[in-house]
N, C-alpha and C. Protein backbone atom coordinates (compact mmCIF):
# COMPACT_ATOMS: atom_id res chain seq x y z
N MET A 1 -36.71 -42.37 21.78
CA MET A 1 -35.43 -42.11 21.14
C MET A 1 -34.30 -42.00 22.16
N TYR A 2 -34.64 -41.56 23.37
CA TYR A 2 -33.59 -41.41 24.37
C TYR A 2 -33.09 -42.76 24.88
N ASP A 3 -33.91 -43.82 24.74
CA ASP A 3 -33.48 -45.15 25.19
C ASP A 3 -32.34 -45.71 24.36
N ILE A 4 -32.19 -45.26 23.12
CA ILE A 4 -31.12 -45.82 22.28
C ILE A 4 -29.76 -45.20 22.57
N ILE A 5 -29.74 -44.13 23.34
CA ILE A 5 -28.47 -43.49 23.70
C ILE A 5 -27.83 -44.29 24.83
N PRO A 6 -26.60 -44.76 24.64
CA PRO A 6 -25.95 -45.57 25.67
C PRO A 6 -25.71 -44.76 26.95
N GLY A 7 -25.92 -45.42 28.07
CA GLY A 7 -25.63 -44.81 29.36
C GLY A 7 -26.77 -44.02 29.97
N ILE A 8 -27.91 -43.93 29.29
CA ILE A 8 -29.05 -43.21 29.85
C ILE A 8 -30.01 -44.23 30.45
N SER A 9 -30.35 -44.02 31.71
CA SER A 9 -31.25 -44.94 32.40
C SER A 9 -32.69 -44.72 31.90
N GLN A 10 -33.54 -45.67 32.25
CA GLN A 10 -34.94 -45.57 31.85
C GLN A 10 -35.60 -44.37 32.52
N GLU A 11 -35.23 -44.09 33.75
CA GLU A 11 -35.79 -42.95 34.46
C GLU A 11 -35.43 -41.63 33.78
N THR A 12 -34.16 -41.50 33.42
CA THR A 12 -33.70 -40.29 32.75
C THR A 12 -34.33 -40.18 31.37
N SER A 13 -34.48 -41.30 30.69
CA SER A 13 -35.08 -41.32 29.36
C SER A 13 -36.52 -40.82 29.40
N TRP A 14 -37.30 -41.29 30.36
CA TRP A 14 -38.69 -40.85 30.46
C TRP A 14 -38.78 -39.38 30.87
N THR A 15 -37.89 -38.95 31.74
CA THR A 15 -37.89 -37.55 32.14
C THR A 15 -37.51 -36.65 30.96
N LEU A 16 -36.52 -37.04 30.18
CA LEU A 16 -36.15 -36.28 29.00
C LEU A 16 -37.26 -36.26 27.96
N THR A 17 -37.97 -37.37 27.82
CA THR A 17 -39.11 -37.42 26.91
C THR A 17 -40.19 -36.44 27.35
N ASN A 18 -40.47 -36.44 28.65
CA ASN A 18 -41.47 -35.54 29.20
C ASN A 18 -41.05 -34.08 28.99
N ILE A 19 -39.81 -33.75 29.30
CA ILE A 19 -39.33 -32.37 29.16
C ILE A 19 -39.32 -31.94 27.70
N THR A 20 -38.93 -32.83 26.81
CA THR A 20 -38.91 -32.51 25.38
C THR A 20 -40.31 -32.21 24.87
N TYR A 21 -41.29 -33.04 25.24
CA TYR A 21 -42.66 -32.79 24.81
C TYR A 21 -43.17 -31.48 25.40
N MET A 22 -42.92 -31.27 26.67
CA MET A 22 -43.43 -30.06 27.33
C MET A 22 -42.81 -28.80 26.73
N ALA A 23 -41.52 -28.82 26.45
CA ALA A 23 -40.86 -27.65 25.85
C ALA A 23 -41.39 -27.40 24.45
N GLY A 24 -41.51 -28.45 23.66
CA GLY A 24 -42.04 -28.30 22.31
C GLY A 24 -43.48 -27.83 22.30
N SER A 25 -44.27 -28.37 23.21
CA SER A 25 -45.67 -27.97 23.32
C SER A 25 -45.80 -26.51 23.74
N TYR A 26 -44.98 -26.10 24.69
CA TYR A 26 -45.04 -24.71 25.16
C TYR A 26 -44.66 -23.75 24.04
N ILE A 27 -43.59 -24.07 23.33
CA ILE A 27 -43.16 -23.20 22.23
C ILE A 27 -44.22 -23.14 21.14
N MET A 28 -44.76 -24.29 20.78
CA MET A 28 -45.72 -24.34 19.67
C MET A 28 -47.05 -23.68 20.03
N PHE A 29 -47.58 -23.94 21.21
CA PHE A 29 -48.92 -23.46 21.56
C PHE A 29 -48.94 -22.10 22.25
N HIS A 30 -47.88 -21.74 22.99
CA HIS A 30 -47.97 -20.56 23.83
C HIS A 30 -46.93 -19.48 23.54
N TRP A 31 -45.85 -19.80 22.89
CA TRP A 31 -44.78 -18.84 22.69
C TRP A 31 -44.93 -18.09 21.35
N VAL A 32 -45.09 -18.85 20.27
CA VAL A 32 -45.15 -18.28 18.93
C VAL A 32 -46.52 -17.63 18.71
N ARG A 33 -46.51 -16.43 18.19
CA ARG A 33 -47.74 -15.69 17.92
C ARG A 33 -47.98 -15.61 16.42
N GLY A 34 -49.26 -15.52 16.04
CA GLY A 34 -49.63 -15.41 14.64
C GLY A 34 -49.69 -16.77 13.97
N ILE A 35 -49.75 -16.75 12.65
CA ILE A 35 -49.76 -17.98 11.86
C ILE A 35 -48.69 -17.87 10.79
N PRO A 36 -48.20 -18.99 10.29
CA PRO A 36 -47.12 -18.93 9.30
C PRO A 36 -47.57 -18.47 7.92
N PHE A 37 -48.85 -18.41 7.67
CA PHE A 37 -49.37 -18.01 6.36
C PHE A 37 -50.03 -16.65 6.49
N ASP A 38 -50.05 -15.91 5.42
CA ASP A 38 -50.61 -14.56 5.47
C ASP A 38 -51.92 -14.49 4.70
N PHE A 39 -52.82 -15.44 4.97
CA PHE A 39 -54.10 -15.47 4.27
C PHE A 39 -55.19 -14.75 5.05
N ASN A 40 -54.88 -14.21 6.21
CA ASN A 40 -55.90 -13.64 7.08
C ASN A 40 -55.72 -12.14 7.32
N SER A 41 -54.83 -11.51 6.61
CA SER A 41 -54.56 -10.07 6.73
C SER A 41 -54.19 -9.66 8.14
N GLY A 42 -53.50 -10.53 8.86
CA GLY A 42 -53.01 -10.19 10.19
C GLY A 42 -54.03 -10.30 11.30
N ALA A 43 -55.13 -10.99 11.08
CA ALA A 43 -56.17 -11.09 12.10
C ALA A 43 -55.71 -11.84 13.34
N TYR A 44 -54.75 -12.75 13.19
CA TYR A 44 -54.32 -13.56 14.32
C TYR A 44 -52.90 -13.22 14.79
N ASP A 45 -52.38 -12.08 14.41
CA ASP A 45 -50.99 -11.73 14.73
C ASP A 45 -50.73 -11.62 16.23
N ASN A 46 -51.73 -11.25 17.01
CA ASN A 46 -51.52 -11.08 18.45
C ASN A 46 -51.94 -12.30 19.26
N LEU A 47 -52.34 -13.37 18.60
CA LEU A 47 -52.80 -14.57 19.30
C LEU A 47 -51.82 -15.71 19.10
N ASN A 48 -51.63 -16.49 20.16
CA ASN A 48 -50.82 -17.69 20.00
C ASN A 48 -51.71 -18.83 19.51
N MET A 49 -51.10 -19.98 19.25
CA MET A 49 -51.85 -21.11 18.68
C MET A 49 -52.98 -21.56 19.61
N TRP A 50 -52.74 -21.57 20.90
CA TRP A 50 -53.75 -22.02 21.86
C TRP A 50 -54.99 -21.12 21.79
N GLU A 51 -54.78 -19.83 21.65
CA GLU A 51 -55.89 -18.89 21.58
C GLU A 51 -56.62 -18.97 20.24
N GLN A 52 -55.97 -19.48 19.22
CA GLN A 52 -56.59 -19.58 17.90
C GLN A 52 -57.44 -20.85 17.75
N ILE A 53 -57.15 -21.86 18.53
CA ILE A 53 -57.88 -23.13 18.41
C ILE A 53 -59.34 -22.91 18.78
N ASP A 54 -60.24 -23.33 17.93
CA ASP A 54 -61.69 -23.23 18.14
C ASP A 54 -62.13 -21.81 18.45
N ASN A 55 -61.50 -20.84 17.78
CA ASN A 55 -61.86 -19.42 17.92
C ASN A 55 -61.78 -18.93 19.36
N GLY A 56 -60.91 -19.51 20.15
CA GLY A 56 -60.71 -19.06 21.52
C GLY A 56 -61.69 -19.63 22.53
N ASP A 57 -62.62 -20.46 22.09
CA ASP A 57 -63.56 -21.06 23.03
C ASP A 57 -62.82 -22.02 23.95
N GLN A 58 -63.23 -22.03 25.21
CA GLN A 58 -62.59 -22.90 26.18
C GLN A 58 -63.36 -24.22 26.32
N TYR A 59 -62.67 -25.24 26.77
CA TYR A 59 -63.24 -26.55 27.09
C TYR A 59 -63.91 -27.22 25.89
N THR A 60 -63.35 -27.03 24.71
CA THR A 60 -63.82 -27.77 23.54
C THR A 60 -63.13 -29.13 23.55
N PRO A 61 -63.62 -30.09 22.79
CA PRO A 61 -62.97 -31.41 22.79
C PRO A 61 -61.49 -31.35 22.40
N ALA A 62 -61.14 -30.51 21.46
CA ALA A 62 -59.73 -30.41 21.05
C ALA A 62 -58.87 -29.89 22.19
N LYS A 63 -59.34 -28.87 22.88
CA LYS A 63 -58.56 -28.30 23.98
C LYS A 63 -58.52 -29.25 25.18
N LYS A 64 -59.58 -29.98 25.40
CA LYS A 64 -59.56 -30.97 26.48
C LYS A 64 -58.51 -32.05 26.20
N TRP A 65 -58.46 -32.49 24.95
CA TRP A 65 -57.47 -33.51 24.58
C TRP A 65 -56.06 -32.97 24.75
N LEU A 66 -55.82 -31.75 24.26
CA LEU A 66 -54.49 -31.16 24.36
C LEU A 66 -54.10 -30.83 25.79
N LEU A 67 -55.06 -30.73 26.68
CA LEU A 67 -54.78 -30.56 28.10
C LEU A 67 -54.52 -31.92 28.77
N ALA A 68 -55.18 -32.96 28.28
CA ALA A 68 -55.03 -34.29 28.87
C ALA A 68 -53.70 -34.96 28.50
N VAL A 69 -53.17 -34.65 27.32
CA VAL A 69 -51.93 -35.30 26.86
C VAL A 69 -50.75 -35.02 27.81
N PRO A 70 -50.47 -33.77 28.19
CA PRO A 70 -49.35 -33.56 29.11
C PRO A 70 -49.58 -34.18 30.49
N ILE A 71 -50.83 -34.21 30.93
CA ILE A 71 -51.12 -34.83 32.22
C ILE A 71 -50.88 -36.33 32.14
N GLY A 72 -51.33 -36.94 31.06
CA GLY A 72 -51.10 -38.38 30.86
C GLY A 72 -49.62 -38.70 30.75
N LEU A 73 -48.88 -37.89 30.01
CA LEU A 73 -47.44 -38.10 29.89
C LEU A 73 -46.75 -37.94 31.23
N PHE A 74 -47.19 -36.99 32.03
CA PHE A 74 -46.64 -36.83 33.38
C PHE A 74 -46.88 -38.08 34.22
N LEU A 75 -48.09 -38.61 34.17
CA LEU A 75 -48.41 -39.81 34.96
C LEU A 75 -47.58 -41.01 34.50
N VAL A 76 -47.44 -41.17 33.19
CA VAL A 76 -46.64 -42.29 32.67
C VAL A 76 -45.18 -42.13 33.05
N SER A 77 -44.64 -40.93 32.87
CA SER A 77 -43.22 -40.71 33.20
C SER A 77 -42.97 -40.84 34.69
N THR A 78 -43.93 -40.44 35.51
CA THR A 78 -43.77 -40.60 36.95
C THR A 78 -43.76 -42.08 37.33
N HIS A 79 -44.64 -42.86 36.68
CA HIS A 79 -44.67 -44.30 36.96
C HIS A 79 -43.36 -44.98 36.56
N TYR A 80 -42.87 -44.66 35.37
CA TYR A 80 -41.65 -45.32 34.88
C TYR A 80 -40.37 -44.79 35.53
N THR A 81 -40.46 -43.70 36.27
CA THR A 81 -39.30 -43.25 37.05
C THR A 81 -39.38 -43.80 38.47
N HIS A 82 -40.33 -44.68 38.69
CA HIS A 82 -40.50 -45.38 39.97
C HIS A 82 -40.72 -44.41 41.13
N TYR A 83 -41.41 -43.31 40.84
CA TYR A 83 -41.81 -42.32 41.85
C TYR A 83 -40.63 -41.75 42.62
N ASP A 84 -39.49 -41.67 41.96
CA ASP A 84 -38.32 -41.04 42.57
C ASP A 84 -38.61 -39.55 42.75
N LEU A 85 -38.28 -39.00 43.91
CA LEU A 85 -38.64 -37.63 44.25
C LEU A 85 -37.99 -36.61 43.31
N THR A 86 -36.74 -36.81 42.96
CA THR A 86 -36.06 -35.86 42.08
C THR A 86 -36.70 -35.84 40.70
N TYR A 87 -36.92 -37.01 40.10
CA TYR A 87 -37.56 -37.09 38.79
C TYR A 87 -39.00 -36.58 38.86
N PHE A 88 -39.68 -36.89 39.96
CA PHE A 88 -41.05 -36.42 40.13
C PHE A 88 -41.11 -34.90 40.12
N CYS A 89 -40.22 -34.25 40.84
CA CYS A 89 -40.21 -32.78 40.89
C CYS A 89 -39.91 -32.17 39.53
N ILE A 90 -38.95 -32.75 38.82
CA ILE A 90 -38.61 -32.25 37.49
C ILE A 90 -39.81 -32.40 36.54
N ASN A 91 -40.43 -33.58 36.55
CA ASN A 91 -41.58 -33.82 35.68
C ASN A 91 -42.77 -32.95 36.07
N LEU A 92 -42.97 -32.75 37.37
CA LEU A 92 -44.08 -31.93 37.83
C LEU A 92 -43.89 -30.47 37.41
N LEU A 93 -42.70 -29.94 37.56
CA LEU A 93 -42.45 -28.55 37.16
C LEU A 93 -42.63 -28.36 35.66
N ALA A 94 -42.16 -29.32 34.88
CA ALA A 94 -42.34 -29.24 33.43
C ALA A 94 -43.82 -29.28 33.06
N THR A 95 -44.58 -30.12 33.73
CA THR A 95 -46.01 -30.24 33.44
C THR A 95 -46.75 -28.97 33.85
N ILE A 96 -46.43 -28.45 35.01
CA ILE A 96 -47.08 -27.22 35.47
C ILE A 96 -46.79 -26.07 34.51
N ALA A 97 -45.57 -26.01 33.99
CA ALA A 97 -45.20 -24.94 33.07
C ALA A 97 -46.01 -24.99 31.77
N VAL A 98 -46.57 -26.14 31.44
CA VAL A 98 -47.37 -26.27 30.22
C VAL A 98 -48.87 -26.20 30.54
N ILE A 99 -49.28 -26.64 31.70
CA ILE A 99 -50.70 -26.66 32.05
C ILE A 99 -51.20 -25.25 32.40
N ILE A 100 -50.43 -24.50 33.16
CA ILE A 100 -50.87 -23.17 33.60
C ILE A 100 -51.24 -22.25 32.43
N PRO A 101 -50.42 -22.16 31.36
CA PRO A 101 -50.82 -21.28 30.26
C PRO A 101 -52.07 -21.72 29.50
N LYS A 102 -52.48 -22.97 29.69
CA LYS A 102 -53.67 -23.47 29.00
C LYS A 102 -54.96 -23.12 29.75
N LEU A 103 -54.86 -22.68 30.98
CA LEU A 103 -56.05 -22.37 31.76
C LEU A 103 -56.72 -21.11 31.23
N PRO A 104 -58.05 -21.06 31.29
CA PRO A 104 -58.78 -19.91 30.73
C PRO A 104 -58.41 -18.58 31.38
N ALA A 105 -58.11 -18.55 32.64
CA ALA A 105 -57.79 -17.30 33.33
C ALA A 105 -56.46 -16.72 32.88
N VAL A 106 -55.58 -17.53 32.31
CA VAL A 106 -54.25 -17.07 31.93
C VAL A 106 -54.21 -16.63 30.47
N SER A 107 -55.15 -17.07 29.67
CA SER A 107 -55.15 -16.76 28.24
C SER A 107 -55.30 -15.26 28.03
N SER A 108 -54.47 -14.71 27.14
CA SER A 108 -54.55 -13.26 26.90
C SER A 108 -55.85 -12.86 26.20
N SER A 109 -56.46 -13.79 25.49
CA SER A 109 -57.74 -13.47 24.86
C SER A 109 -58.84 -13.30 25.91
N SER A 110 -58.70 -13.96 27.07
CA SER A 110 -59.68 -13.78 28.12
C SER A 110 -59.54 -12.41 28.76
N TYR A 111 -58.31 -11.87 28.79
CA TYR A 111 -58.11 -10.52 29.31
C TYR A 111 -58.74 -9.49 28.40
N SER A 112 -58.63 -9.69 27.08
CA SER A 112 -59.15 -8.71 26.14
C SER A 112 -60.68 -8.64 26.18
N ARG A 113 -61.32 -9.70 26.63
CA ARG A 113 -62.78 -9.67 26.73
C ARG A 113 -63.25 -8.71 27.82
N TYR A 114 -62.42 -8.50 28.84
CA TYR A 114 -62.81 -7.66 29.96
C TYR A 114 -62.33 -6.22 29.80
N LEU A 115 -61.55 -5.95 28.79
CA LEU A 115 -61.05 -4.58 28.59
C LEU A 115 -62.01 -3.72 27.80
């Protein structure tokens, strides 16, 4: 969608696409807590979407796929920005901001197991 805006280069378009996906993914999976429906009597109120997927189990096929998508998008956007250092740094920081919260050591449900 960013390519149809006049005056935006392909490099900027891919970087904006990457940042948009990463921001949306972070908000959807790691920022918002609970679920939009109240069919569970508040059982998931303290968990974000990432912690709710597959009952909090790590390295399931769904979580592997959702971890691979931002990495793949980073690689594609880096390629189409022609490995420019500025765009690379922006894309790398956006990707790291989404990958780190997906790691098992960072998940708040992993902390509650040890308490």
